[in-house]
Amino acid sequence: MMRDNGPKSALYIGQALSAIVLCEAVGLLAGWATQTSVTTWYPTLTKPGFTPPGWVFGPTWTLLYALMGVAAFLVWRRRGRDARAGRALWAFGAQLGLNAAWSFAFFGARSPALGLVVIVGLWIALAGTLERFFRVRSAAGWLLVPYLAWVTYALALNAAIWHLN
C-alpha cells in the first residue's frame, strides 16, 4: 500500500505528469510532421507485408510516449543521489530529439533513405539511453524496453520501404 505524503505526493504526481506531457508533446510535433504525407505520399509507397494497419500507430505511440515520460521521471528523481542520472537524462533528450527528427526526415522530407539514417541513429541513442536508465533505476529501463522493441520494428519497416522504393 502506498503512503500519501500530502504535498510531496502531489508534487511527484505533478512532476511525473509534466514528464509525460513533454514526451507526448514530442509525439504531437512528430504527428504534425507526419500529417499531410500520411494521406498523400505514404499511400503511394510500396510497403512490405509486415506493415501494420494505420490505426495502430496512434495508440502505440501514445502509450510509448507515456512510458517514456514515466521512465524519465523515475531517473530525474534520482539526479541528486546518483551522478549517472544527469548523463542518462541527456541521453534521453538526445534520443527524444532523434525520435522527432525521424518524422521530419521520413514524412516531412518524404525520404525513406533519410528516415533510415535517422532511425539507425535513434536506435543507437535509445539503446544507450536504456542501458543508462537501467543503471540508474531498473524500472526506468524496463519502461523503455517496449519502445526499443517498437523502434527496432520501425527500423526494419523503414529499411524495407527504402529497399522497395
C-alpha atoms as a PDB file:
ATOM      1  CA  MET A   1       0.000   0.000   0.000  1.00  0.00           C
ATOM      2  CA  MET A   2       1.326   3.452  -0.952  1.00  0.00           C
ATOM      3  CA  ARG A   3       1.540   6.086   1.711  1.00  0.00           C
ATOM      4  CA  ASP A   4       0.219   9.529   0.856  1.00  0.00           C
ATOM      5  CA  ASN A   5       2.704  12.209   1.879  1.00  0.00           C
ATOM      6  CA  GLY A   6       0.331  15.054   1.094  1.00  0.00           C
ATOM      7  CA  PRO A   7       2.031  17.941  -0.727  1.00  0.00           C
ATOM      8  CA  LYS A   8       5.101  15.827  -1.504  1.00  0.00           C
ATOM      9  CA  SER A   9       2.959  13.191  -3.268  1.00  0.00           C
ATOM     10  CA  ALA A  10       1.109  15.881  -5.186  1.00  0.00           C
ATOM     11  CA  LEU A  11       4.441  17.374  -6.259  1.00  0.00           C
ATOM     12  CA  TYR A  12       5.690  13.999  -7.517  1.00  0.00           C
ATOM     13  CA  ILE A  13       2.465  13.390  -9.406  1.00  0.00           C
ATOM     14  CA  GLY A  14       2.750  16.828 -10.995  1.00  0.00           C
ATOM     15  CA  GLN A  15       6.371  16.196 -11.970  1.00  0.00           C
ATOM     16  CA  ALA A  16       5.523  12.791 -13.433  1.00  0.00           C
ATOM     17  CA  LEU A  17       2.635  14.274 -15.399  1.00  0.00           C
ATOM     18  CA  SER A  18       4.919  17.052 -16.666  1.00  0.00           C
ATOM     19  CA  ALA A  19       7.413  14.481 -17.949  1.00  0.00           C
ATOM     20  CA  ILE A  20       4.624  12.569 -19.684  1.00  0.00           C
ATOM     21  CA  VAL A  21       3.204  15.751 -21.226  1.00  0.00           C
ATOM     22  CA  LEU A  22       6.659  16.716 -22.507  1.00  0.00           C
ATOM     23  CA  CYS A  23       7.064  13.351 -24.226  1.00  0.00           C
ATOM     24  CA  GLU A  24       3.529  13.435 -25.610  1.00  0.00           C
ATOM     25  CA  ALA A  25       4.244  16.942 -26.961  1.00  0.00           C
ATOM     26  CA  VAL A  26       7.151  15.498 -28.946  1.00  0.00           C
ATOM     27  CA  GLY A  27       4.671  12.965 -30.280  1.00  0.00           C
ATOM     28  CA  LEU A  28       2.308  15.757 -31.320  1.00  0.00           C
ATOM     29  CA  LEU A  29       5.165  17.527 -33.089  1.00  0.00           C
ATOM     30  CA  ALA A  30       6.061  14.301 -34.895  1.00  0.00           C
ATOM     31  CA  GLY A  31       2.392  13.813 -35.762  1.00  0.00           C
ATOM     32  CA  TRP A  32       2.264  17.297 -37.214  1.00  0.00           C
ATOM     33  CA  ALA A  33       5.238  16.480 -39.475  1.00  0.00           C
ATOM     34  CA  THR A  34       3.534  13.235 -40.492  1.00  0.00           C
ATOM     35  CA  GLN A  35       0.029  14.559 -41.009  1.00  0.00           C
ATOM     36  CA  THR A  36      -0.019  15.572 -44.673  1.00  0.00           C
ATOM     37  CA  SER A  37       2.305  12.901 -46.040  1.00  0.00           C
ATOM     38  CA  VAL A  38       0.483  10.019 -44.366  1.00  0.00           C
ATOM     39  CA  THR A  39      -2.601  10.627 -46.511  1.00  0.00           C
ATOM     40  CA  THR A  40      -0.901  11.741 -49.741  1.00  0.00           C
ATOM     41  CA  TRP A  41       2.645  10.451 -50.224  1.00  0.00           C
ATOM     42  CA  TYR A  42       2.849   7.443 -47.874  1.00  0.00           C
ATOM     43  CA  PRO A  43      -0.021   5.508 -49.515  1.00  0.00           C
ATOM     44  CA  THR A  44       1.845   5.648 -52.858  1.00  0.00           C
ATOM     45  CA  LEU A  45       4.839   3.761 -51.446  1.00  0.00           C
ATOM     46  CA  THR A  46       5.341   0.040 -51.842  1.00  0.00           C
ATOM     47  CA  LYS A  47       5.304  -1.443 -48.338  1.00  0.00           C
ATOM     48  CA  PRO A  48       6.289  -4.853 -47.004  1.00  0.00           C
ATOM     49  CA  GLY A  49       3.714  -7.404 -45.863  1.00  0.00           C
ATOM     50  CA  PHE A  50       4.536  -6.763 -42.206  1.00  0.00           C
ATOM     51  CA  THR A  51       3.302  -3.155 -42.365  1.00  0.00           C
ATOM     52  CA  PRO A  52       0.685  -2.663 -39.630  1.00  0.00           C
ATOM     53  CA  PRO A  53      -2.663  -1.005 -40.324  1.00  0.00           C
ATOM     54  CA  GLY A  54      -2.556   2.760 -39.950  1.00  0.00           C
ATOM     55  CA  TRP A  55      -4.764   2.827 -36.854  1.00  0.00           C
ATOM     56  CA  VAL A  56      -2.054   1.005 -34.841  1.00  0.00           C
ATOM     57  CA  PHE A  57       0.409   3.887 -34.866  1.00  0.00           C
ATOM     58  CA  GLY A  58      -1.529   6.484 -32.841  1.00  0.00           C
ATOM     59  CA  PRO A  59      -2.362   4.343 -29.805  1.00  0.00           C
ATOM     60  CA  THR A  60       1.046   2.673 -29.857  1.00  0.00           C
ATOM     61  CA  TRP A  61       2.968   5.929 -29.871  1.00  0.00           C
ATOM     62  CA  THR A  62       0.678   7.493 -27.272  1.00  0.00           C
ATOM     63  CA  LEU A  63       1.409   4.614 -24.902  1.00  0.00           C
ATOM     64  CA  LEU A  64       5.142   4.620 -25.683  1.00  0.00           C
ATOM     65  CA  TYR A  65       5.460   8.380 -25.067  1.00  0.00           C
ATOM     66  CA  ALA A  66       3.661   7.959 -21.723  1.00  0.00           C
ATOM     67  CA  LEU A  67       6.047   5.142 -20.737  1.00  0.00           C
ATOM     68  CA  MET A  68       8.993   7.327 -21.778  1.00  0.00           C
ATOM     69  CA  GLY A  69       7.725  10.132 -19.579  1.00  0.00           C
ATOM     70  CA  VAL A  70       7.373   7.884 -16.535  1.00  0.00           C
ATOM     71  CA  ALA A  71      10.833   6.403 -17.157  1.00  0.00           C
ATOM     72  CA  ALA A  72      12.396   9.860 -17.441  1.00  0.00           C
ATOM     73  CA  PHE A  73      10.636  10.961 -14.264  1.00  0.00           C
ATOM     74  CA  LEU A  74      11.998   7.951 -12.349  1.00  0.00           C
ATOM     75  CA  VAL A  75      15.535   8.789 -13.439  1.00  0.00           C
ATOM     76  CA  TRP A  76      15.033  12.516 -12.839  1.00  0.00           C
ATOM     77  CA  ARG A  77      14.068  11.762  -9.230  1.00  0.00           C
ATOM     78  CA  ARG A  78      17.478  10.105  -8.740  1.00  0.00           C
ATOM     79  CA  ARG A  79      19.530  13.028 -10.039  1.00  0.00           C
ATOM     80  CA  GLY A  80      20.560  14.239  -6.561  1.00  0.00           C
ATOM     81  CA  ARG A  81      21.607  10.795  -5.353  1.00  0.00           C
ATOM     82  CA  ASP A  82      23.124   9.282  -8.483  1.00  0.00           C
ATOM     83  CA  ALA A  83      25.596  11.178 -10.669  1.00  0.00           C
ATOM     84  CA  ARG A  84      24.700   8.908 -13.593  1.00  0.00           C
ATOM     85  CA  ALA A  85      21.135  10.269 -13.670  1.00  0.00           C
ATOM     86  CA  GLY A  86      22.153  13.528 -15.314  1.00  0.00           C
ATOM     87  CA  ARG A  87      24.011  11.744 -18.120  1.00  0.00           C
ATOM     88  CA  ALA A  88      21.092   9.360 -18.540  1.00  0.00           C
ATOM     89  CA  LEU A  89      18.705  12.297 -18.916  1.00  0.00           C
ATOM     90  CA  TRP A  90      20.968  13.956 -21.504  1.00  0.00           C
ATOM     91  CA  ALA A  91      20.956  10.692 -23.457  1.00  0.00           C
ATOM     92  CA  PHE A  92      17.171  10.581 -23.106  1.00  0.00           C
ATOM     93  CA  GLY A  93      16.892  14.109 -24.503  1.00  0.00           C
ATOM     94  CA  ALA A  94      19.106  13.206 -27.464  1.00  0.00           C
ATOM     95  CA  GLN A  95      17.064  10.141 -28.368  1.00  0.00           C
ATOM     96  CA  LEU A  96      13.836  12.105 -27.935  1.00  0.00           C
ATOM     97  CA  GLY A  97      15.153  14.696 -30.387  1.00  0.00           C
ATOM     98  CA  LEU A  98      16.039  11.959 -32.863  1.00  0.00           C
ATOM     99  CA  ASN A  99      12.578  10.489 -32.359  1.00  0.00           C
ATOM    100  CA  ALA A 100      11.012  13.758 -33.554  1.00  0.00           C
ATOM    101  CA  ALA A 101      13.634  14.166 -36.293  1.00  0.00           C
ATOM    102  CA  TRP A 102      12.644  10.829 -37.825  1.00  0.00           C
ATOM    103  CA  SER A 103       9.132  12.064 -38.651  1.00  0.00           C
ATOM    104  CA  PHE A 104      10.557  15.163 -40.296  1.00  0.00           C
ATOM    105  CA  ALA A 105      13.099  13.089 -42.242  1.00  0.00           C
ATOM    106  CA  PHE A 106      10.790  10.284 -43.385  1.00  0.00           C
ATOM    107  CA  PHE A 107       7.452  12.072 -43.759  1.00  0.00           C
ATOM    108  CA  GLY A 108       8.395  15.765 -43.827  1.00  0.00           C
ATOM    109  CA  ALA A 109      11.212  15.328 -46.362  1.00  0.00           C
ATOM    110  CA  ARG A 110       9.418  12.327 -47.882  1.00  0.00           C
ATOM    111  CA  SER A 111      12.672  10.419 -47.784  1.00  0.00           C
ATOM    112  CA  PRO A 112      12.835   6.787 -46.657  1.00  0.00           C
ATOM    113  CA  ALA A 113      16.636   6.983 -47.076  1.00  0.00           C
ATOM    114  CA  LEU A 114      16.991   9.965 -44.747  1.00  0.00           C
ATOM    115  CA  GLY A 115      14.490   8.371 -42.386  1.00  0.00           C
ATOM    116  CA  LEU A 116      16.627   5.231 -42.319  1.00  0.00           C
ATOM    117  CA  VAL A 117      19.741   7.216 -41.398  1.00  0.00           C
ATOM    118  CA  VAL A 118      17.875   8.973 -38.576  1.00  0.00           C
ATOM    119  CA  ILE A 119      16.215   5.829 -37.219  1.00  0.00           C
ATOM    120  CA  VAL A 120      19.538   3.981 -37.080  1.00  0.00           C
ATOM    121  CA  GLY A 121      20.871   6.884 -35.008  1.00  0.00           C
ATOM    122  CA  LEU A 122      17.716   6.802 -32.893  1.00  0.00           C
ATOM    123  CA  TRP A 123      18.108   3.070 -32.273  1.00  0.00           C
ATOM    124  CA  ILE A 124      21.728   3.518 -31.168  1.00  0.00           C
ATOM    125  CA  ALA A 125      20.870   6.504 -28.952  1.00  0.00           C
ATOM    126  CA  LEU A 126      17.877   4.684 -27.474  1.00  0.00           C
ATOM    127  CA  ALA A 127      19.885   1.534 -26.715  1.00  0.00           C
ATOM    128  CA  GLY A 128      22.439   3.721 -24.913  1.00  0.00           C
ATOM    129  CA  THR A 129      19.682   5.530 -23.029  1.00  0.00           C
ATOM    130  CA  LEU A 130      18.072   2.272 -21.996  1.00  0.00           C
ATOM    131  CA  GLU A 131      21.401   0.968 -20.699  1.00  0.00           C
ATOM    132  CA  ARG A 132      21.933   4.182 -18.717  1.00  0.00           C
ATOM    133  CA  PHE A 133      18.392   4.102 -17.341  1.00  0.00           C
ATOM    134  CA  PHE A 134      18.874   0.509 -16.153  1.00  0.00           C
ATOM    135  CA  ARG A 135      21.990   1.583 -14.232  1.00  0.00           C
ATOM    136  CA  VAL A 136      20.150   4.419 -12.500  1.00  0.00           C
ATOM    137  CA  ARG A 137      16.800   2.705 -11.861  1.00  0.00           C
ATOM    138  CA  SER A 138      15.914  -0.673 -13.325  1.00  0.00           C
ATOM    139  CA  ALA A 139      12.186   0.136 -13.504  1.00  0.00           C
ATOM    140  CA  ALA A 140      13.009   3.077 -15.783  1.00  0.00           C
ATOM    141  CA  GLY A 141      14.997   0.792 -18.055  1.00  0.00           C
ATOM    142  CA  TRP A 142      12.173  -1.740 -18.240  1.00  0.00           C
ATOM    143  CA  LEU A 143       9.726   1.019 -19.156  1.00  0.00           C
ATOM    144  CA  LEU A 144      11.834   1.758 -22.255  1.00  0.00           C
ATOM    145  CA  VAL A 145      12.015  -1.869 -23.444  1.00  0.00           C
ATOM    146  CA  PRO A 146       8.696  -1.734 -25.386  1.00  0.00           C
ATOM    147  CA  TYR A 147       9.901   1.496 -27.025  1.00  0.00           C
ATOM    148  CA  LEU A 148      13.159  -0.151 -28.126  1.00  0.00           C
ATOM    149  CA  ALA A 149      11.178  -3.107 -29.468  1.00  0.00           C
ATOM    150  CA  TRP A 150       8.906  -0.774 -31.445  1.00  0.00           C
ATOM    151  CA  VAL A 151      11.828   1.261 -32.804  1.00  0.00           C
ATOM    152  CA  THR A 152      13.514  -1.992 -33.845  1.00  0.00           C
ATOM    153  CA  TYR A 153      10.344  -2.938 -35.721  1.00  0.00           C
ATOM    154  CA  ALA A 154      10.084   0.568 -37.191  1.00  0.00           C
ATOM    155  CA  LEU A 155      13.711   0.389 -38.327  1.00  0.00           C
ATOM    156  CA  ALA A 156      13.006  -2.881 -40.163  1.00  0.00           C
ATOM    157  CA  LEU A 157       9.870  -1.351 -41.697  1.00  0.00           C
ATOM    158  CA  ASN A 158      11.739   1.800 -42.757  1.00  0.00           C
ATOM    159  CA  ALA A 159      14.568  -0.288 -44.276  1.00  0.00           C
ATOM    160  CA  ALA A 160      12.064  -2.431 -46.201  1.00  0.00           C
ATOM    161  CA  ILE A 161      10.235   0.639 -47.531  1.00  0.00           C
ATOM    162  CA  TRP A 162      13.529   2.197 -48.576  1.00  0.00           C
ATOM    163  CA  HIS A 163      14.525  -1.061 -50.315  1.00  0.00           C
ATOM    164  CA  LEU A 164      11.161  -1.470 -52.086  1.00  0.00           C
ATOM    165  CA  ASN A 165      11.017   2.123 -53.307  1.00  0.00           C
END
